[in-house]
Amino acid sequence: MFHYHATLDFPYTVGCMRGVIRREDVRAVSGPPPGGVGPGGPRRPGGPPGGHPDLATAANELQIPVERLRSALGPPPPDLRAAAQRLGISEQRLRQALGVP
């Protein structure tokens, strides 16, 4: 039996855990990654692999501190509409900065 430890920050799981997993099983249990973008799909140029947005680059583009962006996004999966409202910007602008459709 496995159990997982997660954090509010990317990469969301503890890196020192070891084991063998099948991506299909993880997707079946967890659903799609935040923003609905998965490995091999679109991602922000220069962002980490797997479709995870680069929060530092997005915060810089939005001209806000990265901690403010992280706080507005909340725990995964983020509610981009609510996050945009918290930041006082359009959802479209937030999606563009994060590089998610």
N, C-alpha and C. Protein backbone atom coordinates (compact mmCIF):
# COMPACT_ATOMS: atom_id res chain seq x y z
N MET A 1 0.85 -1.17 0.00
CA MET A 1 0.00 0.00 0.00
C MET A 1 0.89 1.24 0.00
N PHE A 2 0.49 2.25 -0.73
CA PHE A 2 1.22 3.50 -0.81
C PHE A 2 0.42 4.61 -0.16
N HIS A 3 1.11 5.61 0.30
CA HIS A 3 0.47 6.86 0.66
C HIS A 3 1.39 7.98 0.18
N TYR A 4 0.84 9.15 -0.02
CA TYR A 4 1.59 10.24 -0.63
C TYR A 4 1.62 11.45 0.29
N HIS A 5 2.70 12.18 0.21
CA HIS A 5 2.86 13.44 0.91
C HIS A 5 2.87 14.53 -0.14
N ALA A 6 2.07 15.56 0.03
CA ALA A 6 1.97 16.62 -0.97
C ALA A 6 2.20 17.97 -0.32
N THR A 7 2.60 18.94 -1.15
CA THR A 7 2.80 20.31 -0.70
C THR A 7 1.93 21.23 -1.54
N LEU A 8 1.83 22.48 -1.14
CA LEU A 8 1.08 23.47 -1.92
C LEU A 8 1.89 24.01 -3.08
N ASP A 9 3.20 23.76 -3.10
CA ASP A 9 4.09 24.30 -4.12
C ASP A 9 4.54 23.22 -5.09
N PHE A 10 4.80 23.63 -6.34
CA PHE A 10 5.35 22.71 -7.33
C PHE A 10 6.66 22.16 -6.81
N PRO A 11 6.96 20.90 -6.89
CA PRO A 11 6.29 19.87 -7.68
C PRO A 11 5.18 19.13 -6.95
N TYR A 12 4.68 19.62 -5.85
CA TYR A 12 3.53 19.12 -5.10
C TYR A 12 3.78 17.83 -4.32
N THR A 13 4.79 17.06 -4.66
CA THR A 13 5.07 15.84 -3.90
C THR A 13 6.51 15.86 -3.41
N VAL A 14 6.77 15.09 -2.39
CA VAL A 14 8.10 15.01 -1.80
C VAL A 14 9.01 14.27 -2.77
N GLY A 15 10.13 14.87 -3.13
CA GLY A 15 11.03 14.29 -4.12
C GLY A 15 11.82 13.10 -3.64
N CYS A 16 11.92 12.87 -2.34
CA CYS A 16 12.75 11.77 -1.84
C CYS A 16 12.00 10.45 -1.81
N MET A 17 10.71 10.45 -2.10
CA MET A 17 9.95 9.20 -2.11
C MET A 17 10.36 8.39 -3.33
N ARG A 18 10.45 7.10 -3.19
CA ARG A 18 10.85 6.24 -4.29
C ARG A 18 9.85 5.11 -4.44
N GLY A 19 9.69 4.65 -5.67
CA GLY A 19 8.80 3.54 -5.95
C GLY A 19 8.55 3.45 -7.44
N VAL A 20 7.81 2.47 -7.83
CA VAL A 20 7.48 2.28 -9.23
C VAL A 20 6.00 2.60 -9.41
N ILE A 21 5.71 3.50 -10.34
CA ILE A 21 4.33 3.87 -10.61
C ILE A 21 4.07 3.78 -12.11
N ARG A 22 2.81 3.68 -12.45
CA ARG A 22 2.42 3.77 -13.85
C ARG A 22 1.67 5.08 -14.02
N ARG A 23 2.09 5.88 -15.01
CA ARG A 23 1.45 7.18 -15.24
C ARG A 23 -0.07 7.04 -15.41
N GLU A 24 -0.50 5.96 -16.04
CA GLU A 24 -1.93 5.76 -16.26
C GLU A 24 -2.68 5.67 -14.92
N ASP A 25 -2.05 4.99 -13.94
CA ASP A 25 -2.67 4.88 -12.63
C ASP A 25 -2.75 6.23 -11.93
N VAL A 26 -1.69 7.01 -12.03
CA VAL A 26 -1.66 8.33 -11.41
C VAL A 26 -2.73 9.21 -12.02
N ARG A 27 -2.83 9.21 -13.35
CA ARG A 27 -3.85 10.03 -14.02
C ARG A 27 -5.25 9.58 -13.65
N ALA A 28 -5.45 8.28 -13.52
CA ALA A 28 -6.78 7.76 -13.17
C ALA A 28 -7.20 8.22 -11.78
N VAL A 29 -6.26 8.28 -10.85
CA VAL A 29 -6.56 8.68 -9.49
C VAL A 29 -6.58 10.19 -9.33
N SER A 30 -5.62 10.88 -9.96
CA SER A 30 -5.43 12.31 -9.73
C SER A 30 -6.17 13.20 -10.71
N GLY A 31 -6.50 12.70 -11.89
CA GLY A 31 -7.09 13.55 -12.91
C GLY A 31 -5.99 14.31 -13.63
N PRO A 32 -6.39 15.26 -14.49
CA PRO A 32 -5.39 15.99 -15.27
C PRO A 32 -4.61 16.96 -14.40
N PRO A 33 -3.41 17.36 -14.86
CA PRO A 33 -2.63 18.35 -14.12
C PRO A 33 -3.34 19.69 -14.10
N PRO A 34 -2.92 20.62 -13.20
CA PRO A 34 -3.53 21.95 -13.16
C PRO A 34 -3.53 22.58 -14.54
N GLY A 35 -4.62 23.19 -14.90
CA GLY A 35 -4.73 23.82 -16.20
C GLY A 35 -5.07 22.85 -17.31
N GLY A 36 -5.16 21.56 -16.99
CA GLY A 36 -5.51 20.57 -17.99
C GLY A 36 -4.42 20.27 -18.99
N VAL A 37 -3.20 20.66 -18.71
CA VAL A 37 -2.10 20.44 -19.64
C VAL A 37 -1.24 19.32 -19.10
N GLY A 38 -0.94 18.36 -19.91
CA GLY A 38 -0.16 17.22 -19.45
C GLY A 38 1.16 17.09 -20.17
N PRO A 39 1.93 16.05 -19.84
CA PRO A 39 3.20 15.82 -20.50
C PRO A 39 3.03 15.76 -22.00
N GLY A 40 3.93 16.43 -22.69
CA GLY A 40 3.89 16.47 -24.14
C GLY A 40 2.95 17.52 -24.68
N GLY A 41 2.13 18.13 -23.82
CA GLY A 41 1.20 19.15 -24.25
C GLY A 41 1.84 20.52 -24.21
N PRO A 42 1.05 21.56 -24.49
CA PRO A 42 1.59 22.91 -24.48
C PRO A 42 2.11 23.29 -23.10
N ARG A 43 3.12 24.09 -23.08
CA ARG A 43 3.64 24.63 -21.81
C ARG A 43 4.29 25.96 -22.09
N ARG A 44 4.47 26.71 -21.05
CA ARG A 44 5.09 28.02 -21.18
C ARG A 44 6.54 27.83 -21.60
N PRO A 45 7.01 28.58 -22.61
CA PRO A 45 8.42 28.45 -23.01
C PRO A 45 9.34 28.68 -21.81
N GLY A 46 10.27 27.78 -21.62
CA GLY A 46 11.21 27.90 -20.50
C GLY A 46 10.66 27.34 -19.21
N GLY A 47 9.39 26.92 -19.19
CA GLY A 47 8.79 26.36 -17.99
C GLY A 47 9.22 24.93 -17.80
N PRO A 48 8.97 24.38 -16.64
CA PRO A 48 9.36 23.00 -16.38
C PRO A 48 8.57 22.03 -17.24
N PRO A 49 9.13 20.85 -17.54
CA PRO A 49 8.42 19.87 -18.34
C PRO A 49 7.14 19.42 -17.67
N GLY A 50 6.25 18.88 -18.46
CA GLY A 50 5.01 18.34 -17.91
C GLY A 50 3.87 19.32 -17.87
N GLY A 51 4.06 20.50 -18.42
CA GLY A 51 2.97 21.45 -18.50
C GLY A 51 2.78 22.32 -17.29
N HIS A 52 3.61 22.20 -16.28
CA HIS A 52 3.47 23.03 -15.09
C HIS A 52 3.96 24.44 -15.41
N PRO A 53 3.18 25.45 -15.09
CA PRO A 53 3.61 26.82 -15.39
C PRO A 53 4.78 27.26 -14.54
N ASP A 54 5.57 28.14 -15.10
CA ASP A 54 6.69 28.75 -14.39
C ASP A 54 6.15 29.97 -13.65
N LEU A 55 5.90 29.82 -12.35
CA LEU A 55 5.27 30.89 -11.59
C LEU A 55 6.13 32.14 -11.51
N ALA A 56 7.44 31.98 -11.45
CA ALA A 56 8.33 33.15 -11.39
C ALA A 56 8.22 33.98 -12.66
N THR A 57 8.20 33.31 -13.81
CA THR A 57 8.08 34.02 -15.08
C THR A 57 6.71 34.67 -15.19
N ALA A 58 5.66 33.94 -14.80
CA ALA A 58 4.31 34.49 -14.86
C ALA A 58 4.17 35.69 -13.94
N ALA A 59 4.69 35.59 -12.72
CA ALA A 59 4.62 36.72 -11.78
C ALA A 59 5.37 37.92 -12.33
N ASN A 60 6.52 37.68 -12.94
CA ASN A 60 7.28 38.77 -13.53
C ASN A 60 6.48 39.43 -14.65
N GLU A 61 5.84 38.62 -15.49
CA GLU A 61 5.03 39.16 -16.57
C GLU A 61 3.86 39.98 -16.05
N LEU A 62 3.28 39.54 -14.94
CA LEU A 62 2.16 40.25 -14.34
C LEU A 62 2.62 41.40 -13.43
N GLN A 63 3.92 41.49 -13.21
CA GLN A 63 4.53 42.51 -12.36
C GLN A 63 3.99 42.46 -10.93
N ILE A 64 3.97 41.23 -10.39
CA ILE A 64 3.57 41.01 -9.01
C ILE A 64 4.55 40.05 -8.37
N PRO A 65 4.66 40.03 -7.04
CA PRO A 65 5.53 39.06 -6.38
C PRO A 65 5.02 37.63 -6.61
N VAL A 66 5.94 36.70 -6.75
CA VAL A 66 5.57 35.30 -7.00
C VAL A 66 4.72 34.75 -5.86
N GLU A 67 4.96 35.17 -4.63
CA GLU A 67 4.16 34.69 -3.50
C GLU A 67 2.72 35.16 -3.60
N ARG A 68 2.50 36.36 -4.14
CA ARG A 68 1.13 36.85 -4.33
C ARG A 68 0.41 36.00 -5.37
N LEU A 69 1.12 35.66 -6.45
CA LEU A 69 0.53 34.80 -7.48
C LEU A 69 0.22 33.42 -6.91
N ARG A 70 1.17 32.85 -6.19
CA ARG A 70 0.98 31.51 -5.60
C ARG A 70 -0.21 31.52 -4.63
N SER A 71 -0.31 32.55 -3.84
CA SER A 71 -1.42 32.66 -2.88
C SER A 71 -2.75 32.79 -3.61
N ALA A 72 -2.80 33.58 -4.68
CA ALA A 72 -4.03 33.76 -5.44
C ALA A 72 -4.46 32.46 -6.10
N LEU A 73 -3.50 31.67 -6.59
CA LEU A 73 -3.82 30.41 -7.25
C LEU A 73 -4.35 29.37 -6.27
N GLY A 74 -3.84 29.39 -5.04
CA GLY A 74 -4.28 28.44 -4.04
C GLY A 74 -3.78 27.03 -4.33
N PRO A 75 -4.33 26.05 -3.61
CA PRO A 75 -3.88 24.67 -3.81
C PRO A 75 -4.36 24.11 -5.15
N PRO A 76 -3.64 23.12 -5.66
CA PRO A 76 -4.05 22.54 -6.94
C PRO A 76 -5.34 21.73 -6.81
N PRO A 77 -6.10 21.65 -7.86
CA PRO A 77 -5.95 22.43 -9.09
C PRO A 77 -6.46 23.84 -8.87
N PRO A 78 -5.78 24.82 -9.47
CA PRO A 78 -6.17 26.21 -9.23
C PRO A 78 -7.48 26.57 -9.94
N ASP A 79 -8.23 27.47 -9.32
CA ASP A 79 -9.42 28.05 -9.94
C ASP A 79 -8.95 29.37 -10.56
N LEU A 80 -8.69 29.35 -11.86
CA LEU A 80 -8.09 30.50 -12.52
C LEU A 80 -9.02 31.71 -12.53
N ARG A 81 -10.31 31.48 -12.62
CA ARG A 81 -11.25 32.61 -12.60
C ARG A 81 -11.18 33.33 -11.25
N ALA A 82 -11.21 32.56 -10.16
CA ALA A 82 -11.15 33.14 -8.82
C ALA A 82 -9.79 33.79 -8.59
N ALA A 83 -8.72 33.16 -9.06
CA ALA A 83 -7.37 33.72 -8.89
C ALA A 83 -7.26 35.05 -9.61
N ALA A 84 -7.80 35.13 -10.82
CA ALA A 84 -7.76 36.39 -11.58
C ALA A 84 -8.51 37.48 -10.83
N GLN A 85 -9.65 37.14 -10.27
CA GLN A 85 -10.42 38.12 -9.49
C GLN A 85 -9.62 38.60 -8.28
N ARG A 86 -8.96 37.66 -7.59
CA ARG A 86 -8.15 38.04 -6.43
C ARG A 86 -7.03 39.00 -6.83
N LEU A 87 -6.49 38.80 -8.03
CA LEU A 87 -5.38 39.63 -8.50
C LEU A 87 -5.85 40.91 -9.18
N GLY A 88 -7.15 41.02 -9.45
CA GLY A 88 -7.68 42.20 -10.10
C GLY A 88 -7.32 42.29 -11.58
N ILE A 89 -7.21 41.13 -12.23
CA ILE A 89 -6.88 41.08 -13.65
C ILE A 89 -7.89 40.16 -14.34
N SER A 90 -7.86 40.15 -15.67
CA SER A 90 -8.75 39.26 -16.40
C SER A 90 -8.24 37.83 -16.35
N GLU A 91 -9.16 36.89 -16.45
CA GLU A 91 -8.76 35.48 -16.49
C GLU A 91 -7.89 35.23 -17.73
N GLN A 92 -8.22 35.89 -18.83
CA GLN A 92 -7.44 35.72 -20.06
C GLN A 92 -5.99 36.17 -19.86
N ARG A 93 -5.79 37.28 -19.16
CA ARG A 93 -4.43 37.75 -18.90
C ARG A 93 -3.67 36.78 -18.01
N LEU A 94 -4.35 36.24 -17.00
CA LEU A 94 -3.71 35.26 -16.11
C LEU A 94 -3.34 34.00 -16.88
N ARG A 95 -4.25 33.50 -17.70
CA ARG A 95 -3.97 32.31 -18.50
C ARG A 95 -2.80 32.55 -19.44
N GLN A 96 -2.75 33.72 -20.05
CA GLN A 96 -1.64 34.05 -20.96
C GLN A 96 -0.31 34.07 -20.21
N ALA A 97 -0.29 34.68 -19.03
CA ALA A 97 0.94 34.75 -18.24
C ALA A 97 1.41 33.35 -17.80
N LEU A 98 0.44 32.49 -17.47
CA LEU A 98 0.77 31.14 -17.04
C LEU A 98 1.06 30.21 -18.20
N GLY A 99 0.65 30.61 -19.40
CA GLY A 99 0.87 29.77 -20.57
C GLY A 99 -0.04 28.57 -20.64
N VAL A 100 -1.28 28.73 -20.12
CA VAL A 100 -2.26 27.65 -20.16
C VAL A 100 -3.43 28.08 -21.01
N PRO A 101 -4.05 27.12 -21.72
CA PRO A 101 -5.19 27.46 -22.58
C PRO A 101 -6.41 27.88 -21.80
